[in-house]
Amino acid sequence: MNITKNTFSTSDLYYAAFLKTAGFSLVEVKKLDNGKKRFFVFEDGSGLIIKAQTDYVNSTSKVSAKELIDNIRALKTLINME
């Protein structure tokens, strides 16, 4: 789901944590009308998220495991605060 041309969004918590760990800026967390589903919106002015997505799916990306776990925890905290 793309919000605008310069952003990318996903509802996948673990992929969102990966993108954050890979250096993409989290713009906002959007909540759907039912209040249960959340979308993480990232800035993608350079169009590099597609390459990151390919690396993620093919398991060829290199990110810090500790930082990834920290970002998963931070995103879980963020969605539970709303």
PDB file of N, CA and C in Angstrom:
ATOM      1  N   MET A   1       0.853  -1.185   0.000  1.00  0.00           N
ATOM      2  CA  MET A   1       0.000   0.000   0.000  1.00  0.00           C
ATOM      3  C   MET A   1       0.887   1.233   0.000  1.00  0.00           C
ATOM      4  N   ASN A   2       0.785   2.067  -1.016  1.00  0.00           N
ATOM      5  CA  ASN A   2       1.537   3.306  -1.083  1.00  0.00           C
ATOM      6  C   ASN A   2       0.632   4.468  -0.745  1.00  0.00           C
ATOM      7  N   ILE A   3       1.060   5.318   0.164  1.00  0.00           N
ATOM      8  CA  ILE A   3       0.278   6.483   0.565  1.00  0.00           C
ATOM      9  C   ILE A   3       0.471   7.605  -0.457  1.00  0.00           C
ATOM     10  N   THR A   4       1.715   7.936  -0.759  1.00  0.00           N
ATOM     11  CA  THR A   4       2.038   8.909  -1.794  1.00  0.00           C
ATOM     12  C   THR A   4       3.207   8.369  -2.593  1.00  0.00           C
ATOM     13  N   LYS A   5       3.628   9.134  -3.572  1.00  0.00           N
ATOM     14  CA  LYS A   5       4.736   8.705  -4.417  1.00  0.00           C
ATOM     15  C   LYS A   5       6.044   8.599  -3.636  1.00  0.00           C
ATOM     16  N   ASN A   6       6.218   9.391  -2.603  1.00  0.00           N
ATOM     17  CA  ASN A   6       7.469   9.419  -1.851  1.00  0.00           C
ATOM     18  C   ASN A   6       7.415   8.646  -0.537  1.00  0.00           C
ATOM     19  N   THR A   7       6.363   7.859  -0.351  1.00  0.00           N
ATOM     20  CA  THR A   7       6.268   7.064   0.866  1.00  0.00           C
ATOM     21  C   THR A   7       5.919   5.621   0.508  1.00  0.00           C
ATOM     22  N   PHE A   8       6.161   4.756   1.462  1.00  0.00           N
ATOM     23  CA  PHE A   8       5.821   3.337   1.323  1.00  0.00           C
ATOM     24  C   PHE A   8       5.219   2.906   2.648  1.00  0.00           C
ATOM     25  N   SER A   9       4.187   2.081   2.612  1.00  0.00           N
ATOM     26  CA  SER A   9       3.586   1.627   3.859  1.00  0.00           C
ATOM     27  C   SER A   9       3.433   0.118   3.867  1.00  0.00           C
ATOM     28  N   THR A  10       3.478  -0.433   5.054  1.00  0.00           N
ATOM     29  CA  THR A  10       3.304  -1.862   5.260  1.00  0.00           C
ATOM     30  C   THR A  10       2.609  -2.086   6.588  1.00  0.00           C
ATOM     31  N   SER A  11       1.855  -3.160   6.666  1.00  0.00           N
ATOM     32  CA  SER A  11       1.228  -3.526   7.940  1.00  0.00           C
ATOM     33  C   SER A  11       2.039  -4.604   8.651  1.00  0.00           C
ATOM     34  N   ASP A  12       3.097  -5.088   8.022  1.00  0.00           N
ATOM     35  CA  ASP A  12       3.946  -6.147   8.578  1.00  0.00           C
ATOM     36  C   ASP A  12       4.932  -5.552   9.587  1.00  0.00           C
ATOM     37  N   LEU A  13       4.719  -5.856  10.861  1.00  0.00           N
ATOM     38  CA  LEU A  13       5.553  -5.321  11.937  1.00  0.00           C
ATOM     39  C   LEU A  13       7.030  -5.665  11.732  1.00  0.00           C
ATOM     40  N   TYR A  14       7.307  -6.909  11.358  1.00  0.00           N
ATOM     41  CA  TYR A  14       8.699  -7.349  11.243  1.00  0.00           C
ATOM     42  C   TYR A  14       9.389  -6.719  10.031  1.00  0.00           C
ATOM     43  N   TYR A  15       8.667  -6.568   8.937  1.00  0.00           N
ATOM     44  CA  TYR A  15       9.229  -5.889   7.770  1.00  0.00           C
ATOM     45  C   TYR A  15       9.456  -4.411   8.086  1.00  0.00           C
ATOM     46  N   ALA A  16       8.523  -3.806   8.822  1.00  0.00           N
ATOM     47  CA  ALA A  16       8.685  -2.406   9.228  1.00  0.00           C
ATOM     48  C   ALA A  16       9.926  -2.247  10.106  1.00  0.00           C
ATOM     49  N   ALA A  17      10.129  -3.183  11.025  1.00  0.00           N
ATOM     50  CA  ALA A  17      11.323  -3.137  11.877  1.00  0.00           C
ATOM     51  C   ALA A  17      12.581  -3.298  11.036  1.00  0.00           C
ATOM     52  N   PHE A  18      12.524  -4.166  10.037  1.00  0.00           N
ATOM     53  CA  PHE A  18      13.660  -4.329   9.134  1.00  0.00           C
ATOM     54  C   PHE A  18      13.955  -3.021   8.393  1.00  0.00           C
ATOM     55  N   LEU A  19      12.920  -2.382   7.837  1.00  0.00           N
ATOM     56  CA  LEU A  19      13.117  -1.122   7.108  1.00  0.00           C
ATOM     57  C   LEU A  19      13.715  -0.056   8.012  1.00  0.00           C
ATOM     58  N   LYS A  20      13.216   0.026   9.239  1.00  0.00           N
ATOM     59  CA  LYS A  20      13.759   1.001  10.187  1.00  0.00           C
ATOM     60  C   LYS A  20      15.223   0.701  10.476  1.00  0.00           C
ATOM     61  N   THR A  21      15.556  -0.562  10.656  1.00  0.00           N
ATOM     62  CA  THR A  21      16.930  -0.973  10.912  1.00  0.00           C
ATOM     63  C   THR A  21      17.826  -0.712   9.706  1.00  0.00           C
ATOM     64  N   ALA A  22      17.258  -0.838   8.511  1.00  0.00           N
ATOM     65  CA  ALA A  22      18.010  -0.607   7.279  1.00  0.00           C
ATOM     66  C   ALA A  22      18.224   0.880   6.996  1.00  0.00           C
ATOM     67  N   GLY A  23      17.638   1.748   7.831  1.00  0.00           N
ATOM     68  CA  GLY A  23      17.902   3.177   7.709  1.00  0.00           C
ATOM     69  C   GLY A  23      16.801   4.017   7.098  1.00  0.00           C
ATOM     70  N   PHE A  24      15.638   3.423   6.836  1.00  0.00           N
ATOM     71  CA  PHE A  24      14.532   4.192   6.290  1.00  0.00           C
ATOM     72  C   PHE A  24      13.802   4.912   7.420  1.00  0.00           C
ATOM     73  N   SER A  25      13.358   6.132   7.140  1.00  0.00           N
ATOM     74  CA  SER A  25      12.708   6.966   8.160  1.00  0.00           C
ATOM     75  C   SER A  25      11.224   6.637   8.277  1.00  0.00           C
ATOM     76  N   LEU A  26      10.802   6.349   9.504  1.00  0.00           N
ATOM     77  CA  LEU A  26       9.386   6.124   9.780  1.00  0.00           C
ATOM     78  C   LEU A  26       8.704   7.482   9.852  1.00  0.00           C
ATOM     79  N   VAL A  27       7.693   7.674   9.003  1.00  0.00           N
ATOM     80  CA  VAL A  27       6.985   8.952   8.934  1.00  0.00           C
ATOM     81  C   VAL A  27       5.830   8.980   9.937  1.00  0.00           C
ATOM     82  N   GLU A  28       5.041   7.906   9.935  1.00  0.00           N
ATOM     83  CA  GLU A  28       3.902   7.837  10.848  1.00  0.00           C
ATOM     84  C   GLU A  28       3.377   6.410  10.924  1.00  0.00           C
ATOM     85  N   VAL A  29       2.525   6.189  11.904  1.00  0.00           N
ATOM     86  CA  VAL A  29       1.800   4.932  12.021  1.00  0.00           C
ATOM     87  C   VAL A  29       0.334   5.277  11.828  1.00  0.00           C
ATOM     88  N   LYS A  30      -0.282   4.717  10.774  1.00  0.00           N
ATOM     89  CA  LYS A  30      -1.691   4.988  10.488  1.00  0.00           C
ATOM     90  C   LYS A  30      -2.549   3.857  11.019  1.00  0.00           C
ATOM     91  N   LYS A  31      -3.694   4.237  11.558  1.00  0.00           N
ATOM     92  CA  LYS A  31      -4.644   3.273  12.094  1.00  0.00           C
ATOM     93  C   LYS A  31      -5.856   3.222  11.165  1.00  0.00           C
ATOM     94  N   LEU A  32      -6.298   2.014  10.820  1.00  0.00           N
ATOM     95  CA  LEU A  32      -7.505   1.878  10.020  1.00  0.00           C
ATOM     96  C   LEU A  32      -8.732   2.140  10.873  1.00  0.00           C
ATOM     97  N   ASP A  33      -9.878   2.272  10.220  1.00  0.00           N
ATOM     98  CA  ASP A  33     -11.124   2.621  10.899  1.00  0.00           C
ATOM     99  C   ASP A  33     -11.493   1.677  12.036  1.00  0.00           C
ATOM    100  N   ASN A  34     -11.230   0.375  11.853  1.00  0.00           N
ATOM    101  CA  ASN A  34     -11.608  -0.573  12.907  1.00  0.00           C
ATOM    102  C   ASN A  34     -10.698  -0.485  14.117  1.00  0.00           C
ATOM    103  N   GLY A  35      -9.570   0.223  13.979  1.00  0.00           N
ATOM    104  CA  GLY A  35      -8.688   0.455  15.104  1.00  0.00           C
ATOM    105  C   GLY A  35      -7.714  -0.653  15.424  1.00  0.00           C
ATOM    106  N   LYS A  36      -7.815  -1.800  14.744  1.00  0.00           N
ATOM    107  CA  LYS A  36      -6.934  -2.915  15.051  1.00  0.00           C
ATOM    108  C   LYS A  36      -5.727  -2.969  14.120  1.00  0.00           C
ATOM    109  N   LYS A  37      -5.905  -2.699  12.861  1.00  0.00           N
ATOM    110  CA  LYS A  37      -4.826  -2.805  11.880  1.00  0.00           C
ATOM    111  C   LYS A  37      -4.061  -1.491  11.803  1.00  0.00           C
ATOM    112  N   ARG A  38      -2.729  -1.606  11.809  1.00  0.00           N
ATOM    113  CA  ARG A  38      -1.854  -0.438  11.725  1.00  0.00           C
ATOM    114  C   ARG A  38      -0.996  -0.527  10.471  1.00  0.00           C
ATOM    115  N   PHE A  39      -0.706   0.609   9.890  1.00  0.00           N
ATOM    116  CA  PHE A  39       0.209   0.688   8.759  1.00  0.00           C
ATOM    117  C   PHE A  39       1.378   1.578   9.145  1.00  0.00           C
ATOM    118  N   PHE A  40       2.571   1.093   8.899  1.00  0.00           N
ATOM    119  CA  PHE A  40       3.789   1.843   9.142  1.00  0.00           C
ATOM    120  C   PHE A  40       4.161   2.535   7.834  1.00  0.00           C
ATOM    121  N   VAL A  41       4.261   3.855   7.876  1.00  0.00           N
ATOM    122  CA  VAL A  41       4.536   4.635   6.675  1.00  0.00           C
ATOM    123  C   VAL A  41       5.981   5.124   6.731  1.00  0.00           C
ATOM    124  N   PHE A  42       6.733   4.804   5.676  1.00  0.00           N
ATOM    125  CA  PHE A  42       8.146   5.157   5.592  1.00  0.00           C
ATOM    126  C   PHE A  42       8.392   6.122   4.440  1.00  0.00           C
ATOM    127  N   GLU A  43       9.381   6.985   4.623  1.00  0.00           N
ATOM    128  CA  GLU A  43       9.819   7.889   3.568  1.00  0.00           C
ATOM    129  C   GLU A  43      10.615   7.084   2.550  1.00  0.00           C
ATOM    130  N   ASP A  44      10.314   7.285   1.266  1.00  0.00           N
ATOM    131  CA  ASP A  44      11.026   6.571   0.208  1.00  0.00           C
ATOM    132  C   ASP A  44      11.247   7.485  -0.992  1.00  0.00           C
ATOM    133  N   GLY A  45      11.867   8.618  -0.765  1.00  0.00           N
ATOM    134  CA  GLY A  45      12.120   9.559  -1.837  1.00  0.00           C
ATOM    135  C   GLY A  45      13.090   9.032  -2.880  1.00  0.00           C
ATOM    136  N   SER A  46      13.965   8.132  -2.487  1.00  0.00           N
ATOM    137  CA  SER A  46      14.985   7.624  -3.400  1.00  0.00           C
ATOM    138  C   SER A  46      14.549   6.358  -4.132  1.00  0.00           C
ATOM    139  N   GLY A  47      13.448   5.756  -3.731  1.00  0.00           N
ATOM    140  CA  GLY A  47      12.974   4.535  -4.379  1.00  0.00           C
ATOM    141  C   GLY A  47      13.759   3.286  -4.006  1.00  0.00           C
ATOM    142  N   LEU A  48      14.522   3.337  -2.931  1.00  0.00           N
ATOM    143  CA  LEU A  48      15.376   2.211  -2.555  1.00  0.00           C
ATOM    144  C   LEU A  48      14.651   1.128  -1.745  1.00  0.00           C
ATOM    145  N   ILE A  49      13.417   1.377  -1.347  1.00  0.00           N
ATOM    146  CA  ILE A  49      12.700   0.376  -0.559  1.00  0.00           C
ATOM    147  C   ILE A  49      12.459  -0.885  -1.380  1.00  0.00           C
ATOM    148  N   ILE A  50      12.254  -0.763  -2.675  1.00  0.00           N
ATOM    149  CA  ILE A  50      12.037  -1.942  -3.516  1.00  0.00           C
ATOM    150  C   ILE A  50      13.260  -2.847  -3.489  1.00  0.00           C
ATOM    151  N   LYS A  51      14.469  -2.270  -3.555  1.00  0.00           N
ATOM    152  CA  LYS A  51      15.691  -3.076  -3.461  1.00  0.00           C
ATOM    153  C   LYS A  51      15.796  -3.702  -2.079  1.00  0.00           C
ATOM    154  N   ALA A  52      15.496  -2.932  -1.044  1.00  0.00           N
ATOM    155  CA  ALA A  52      15.535  -3.467   0.322  1.00  0.00           C
ATOM    156  C   ALA A  52      14.534  -4.605   0.472  1.00  0.00           C
ATOM    157  N   GLN A  53      13.380  -4.473  -0.153  1.00  0.00           N
ATOM    158  CA  GLN A  53      12.360  -5.512  -0.092  1.00  0.00           C
ATOM    159  C   GLN A  53      12.856  -6.795  -0.759  1.00  0.00           C
ATOM    160  N   THR A  54      13.506  -6.664  -1.891  1.00  0.00           N
ATOM    161  CA  THR A  54      14.072  -7.821  -2.586  1.00  0.00           C
ATOM    162  C   THR A  54      15.141  -8.492  -1.731  1.00  0.00           C
ATOM    163  N   ASP A  55      16.010  -7.693  -1.125  1.00  0.00           N
ATOM    164  CA  ASP A  55      17.053  -8.239  -0.251  1.00  0.00           C
ATOM    165  C   ASP A  55      16.442  -8.938   0.966  1.00  0.00           C
ATOM    166  N   TYR A  56      15.373  -8.373   1.504  1.00  0.00           N
ATOM    167  CA  TYR A  56      14.686  -8.949   2.671  1.00  0.00           C
ATOM    168  C   TYR A  56      14.099 -10.316   2.316  1.00  0.00           C
ATOM    169  N   VAL A  57      13.398 -10.381   1.196  1.00  0.00           N
ATOM    170  CA  VAL A  57      12.750 -11.625   0.775  1.00  0.00           C
ATOM    171  C   VAL A  57      13.783 -12.690   0.416  1.00  0.00           C
ATOM    172  N   ASN A  58      14.892 -12.279  -0.211  1.00  0.00           N
ATOM    173  CA  ASN A  58      15.927 -13.227  -0.622  1.00  0.00           C
ATOM    174  C   ASN A  58      16.939 -13.537   0.478  1.00  0.00           C
ATOM    175  N   SER A  59      16.757 -12.956   1.644  1.00  0.00           N
ATOM    176  CA  SER A  59      17.669 -13.143   2.783  1.00  0.00           C
ATOM    177  C   SER A  59      19.107 -12.756   2.455  1.00  0.00           C
ATOM    178  N   THR A  60      19.261 -11.692   1.673  1.00  0.00           N
ATOM    179  CA  THR A  60      20.601 -11.212   1.328  1.00  0.00           C
ATOM    180  C   THR A  60      20.922  -9.886   1.991  1.00  0.00           C
ATOM    181  N   SER A  61      20.032  -9.388   2.827  1.00  0.00           N
ATOM    182  CA  SER A  61      20.260  -8.108   3.490  1.00  0.00           C
ATOM    183  C   SER A  61      21.169  -8.301   4.699  1.00  0.00           C
ATOM    184  N   LYS A  62      21.831  -7.228   5.063  1.00  0.00           N
ATOM    185  CA  LYS A  62      22.718  -7.238   6.221  1.00  0.00           C
ATOM    186  C   LYS A  62      22.283  -6.124   7.171  1.00  0.00           C
ATOM    187  N   VAL A  63      21.673  -6.518   8.292  1.00  0.00           N
ATOM    188  CA  VAL A  63      21.320  -5.552   9.331  1.00  0.00           C
ATOM    189  C   VAL A  63      21.762  -6.114  10.673  1.00  0.00           C
ATOM    190  N   SER A  64      21.929  -5.248  11.622  1.00  0.00           N
ATOM    191  CA  SER A  64      22.323  -5.646  12.972  1.00  0.00           C
ATOM    192  C   SER A  64      21.168  -6.375  13.658  1.00  0.00           C
ATOM    193  N   ALA A  65      21.433  -7.583  14.137  1.00  0.00           N
ATOM    194  CA  ALA A  65      20.391  -8.361  14.814  1.00  0.00           C
ATOM    195  C   ALA A  65      19.893  -7.650  16.074  1.00  0.00           C
ATOM    196  N   LYS A  66      20.812  -7.084  16.845  1.00  0.00           N
ATOM    197  CA  LYS A  66      20.425  -6.377  18.070  1.00  0.00           C
ATOM    198  C   LYS A  66      19.556  -5.167  17.753  1.00  0.00           C
ATOM    199  N   GLU A  67      19.951  -4.418  16.735  1.00  0.00           N
ATOM    200  CA  GLU A  67      19.173  -3.240  16.350  1.00  0.00           C
ATOM    201  C   GLU A  67      17.799  -3.648  15.811  1.00  0.00           C
ATOM    202  N   LEU A  68      17.727  -4.751  15.077  1.00  0.00           N
ATOM    203  CA  LEU A  68      16.451  -5.245  14.569  1.00  0.00           C
ATOM    204  C   LEU A  68      15.512  -5.589  15.730  1.00  0.00           C
ATOM    205  N   ILE A  69      16.017  -6.314  16.719  1.00  0.00           N
ATOM    206  CA  ILE A  69      15.207  -6.672  17.892  1.00  0.00           C
ATOM    207  C   ILE A  69      14.769  -5.420  18.642  1.00  0.00           C
ATOM    208  N   ASP A  70      15.677  -4.457  18.793  1.00  0.00           N
ATOM    209  CA  ASP A  70      15.332  -3.191  19.461  1.00  0.00           C
ATOM    210  C   ASP A  70      14.223  -2.469  18.713  1.00  0.00           C
ATOM    211  N   ASN A  71      14.279  -2.479  17.379  1.00  0.00           N
ATOM    212  CA  ASN A  71      13.249  -1.804  16.579  1.00  0.00           C
ATOM    213  C   ASN A  71      11.919  -2.545  16.631  1.00  0.00           C
ATOM    214  N   ILE A  72      11.940  -3.869  16.694  1.00  0.00           N
ATOM    215  CA  ILE A  72      10.694  -4.623  16.859  1.00  0.00           C
ATOM    216  C   ILE A  72      10.025  -4.221  18.172  1.00  0.00           C
ATOM    217  N   ARG A  73      10.807  -4.180  19.230  1.00  0.00           N
ATOM    218  CA  ARG A  73      10.267  -3.794  20.542  1.00  0.00           C
ATOM    219  C   ARG A  73       9.733  -2.360  20.519  1.00  0.00           C
ATOM    220  N   ALA A  74      10.477  -1.453  19.890  1.00  0.00           N
ATOM    221  CA  ALA A  74      10.064  -0.042  19.846  1.00  0.00           C
ATOM    222  C   ALA A  74       8.752   0.115  19.057  1.00  0.00           C
ATOM    223  N   LEU A  75       8.620  -0.594  17.935  1.00  0.00           N
ATOM    224  CA  LEU A  75       7.404  -0.498  17.142  1.00  0.00           C
ATOM    225  C   LEU A  75       6.213  -1.123  17.875  1.00  0.00           C
ATOM    226  N   LYS A  76       6.439  -2.228  18.576  1.00  0.00           N
ATOM    227  CA  LYS A  76       5.362  -2.829  19.375  1.00  0.00           C
ATOM    228  C   LYS A  76       4.910  -1.858  20.458  1.00  0.00           C
ATOM    229  N   THR A  77       5.836  -1.223  21.108  1.00  0.00           N
ATOM    230  CA  THR A  77       5.501  -0.222  22.130  1.00  0.00           C
ATOM    231  C   THR A  77       4.714   0.928  21.509  1.00  0.00           C
ATOM    232  N   LEU A  78       5.149   1.372  20.348  1.00  0.00           N
ATOM    233  CA  LEU A  78       4.486   2.487  19.669  1.00  0.00           C
ATOM    234  C   LEU A  78       3.041   2.154  19.311  1.00  0.00           C
ATOM    235  N   ILE A  79       2.784   0.975  18.797  1.00  0.00           N
ATOM    236  CA  ILE A  79       1.400   0.645  18.408  1.00  0.00           C
ATOM    237  C   ILE A  79       0.523   0.338  19.619  1.00  0.00           C
ATOM    238  N   ASN A  80       1.129  -0.090  20.710  1.00  0.00           N
ATOM    239  CA  ASN A  80       0.341  -0.374  21.909  1.00  0.00           C
ATOM    240  C   ASN A  80       0.012   0.884  22.694  1.00  0.00           C
ATOM    241  N   MET A  81       0.719   1.981  22.427  1.00  0.00           N
ATOM    242  CA  MET A  81       0.468   3.248  23.119  1.00  0.00           C
ATOM    243  C   MET A  81      -0.735   3.966  22.529  1.00  0.00           C
ATOM    244  N   GLU A  82      -1.091   3.653  21.313  1.00  0.00           N
ATOM    245  CA  GLU A  82      -2.186   4.378  20.653  1.00  0.00           C
ATOM    246  C   GLU A  82      -3.530   3.903  21.125  1.00  0.00           C
TER     247      GLU A  82
END
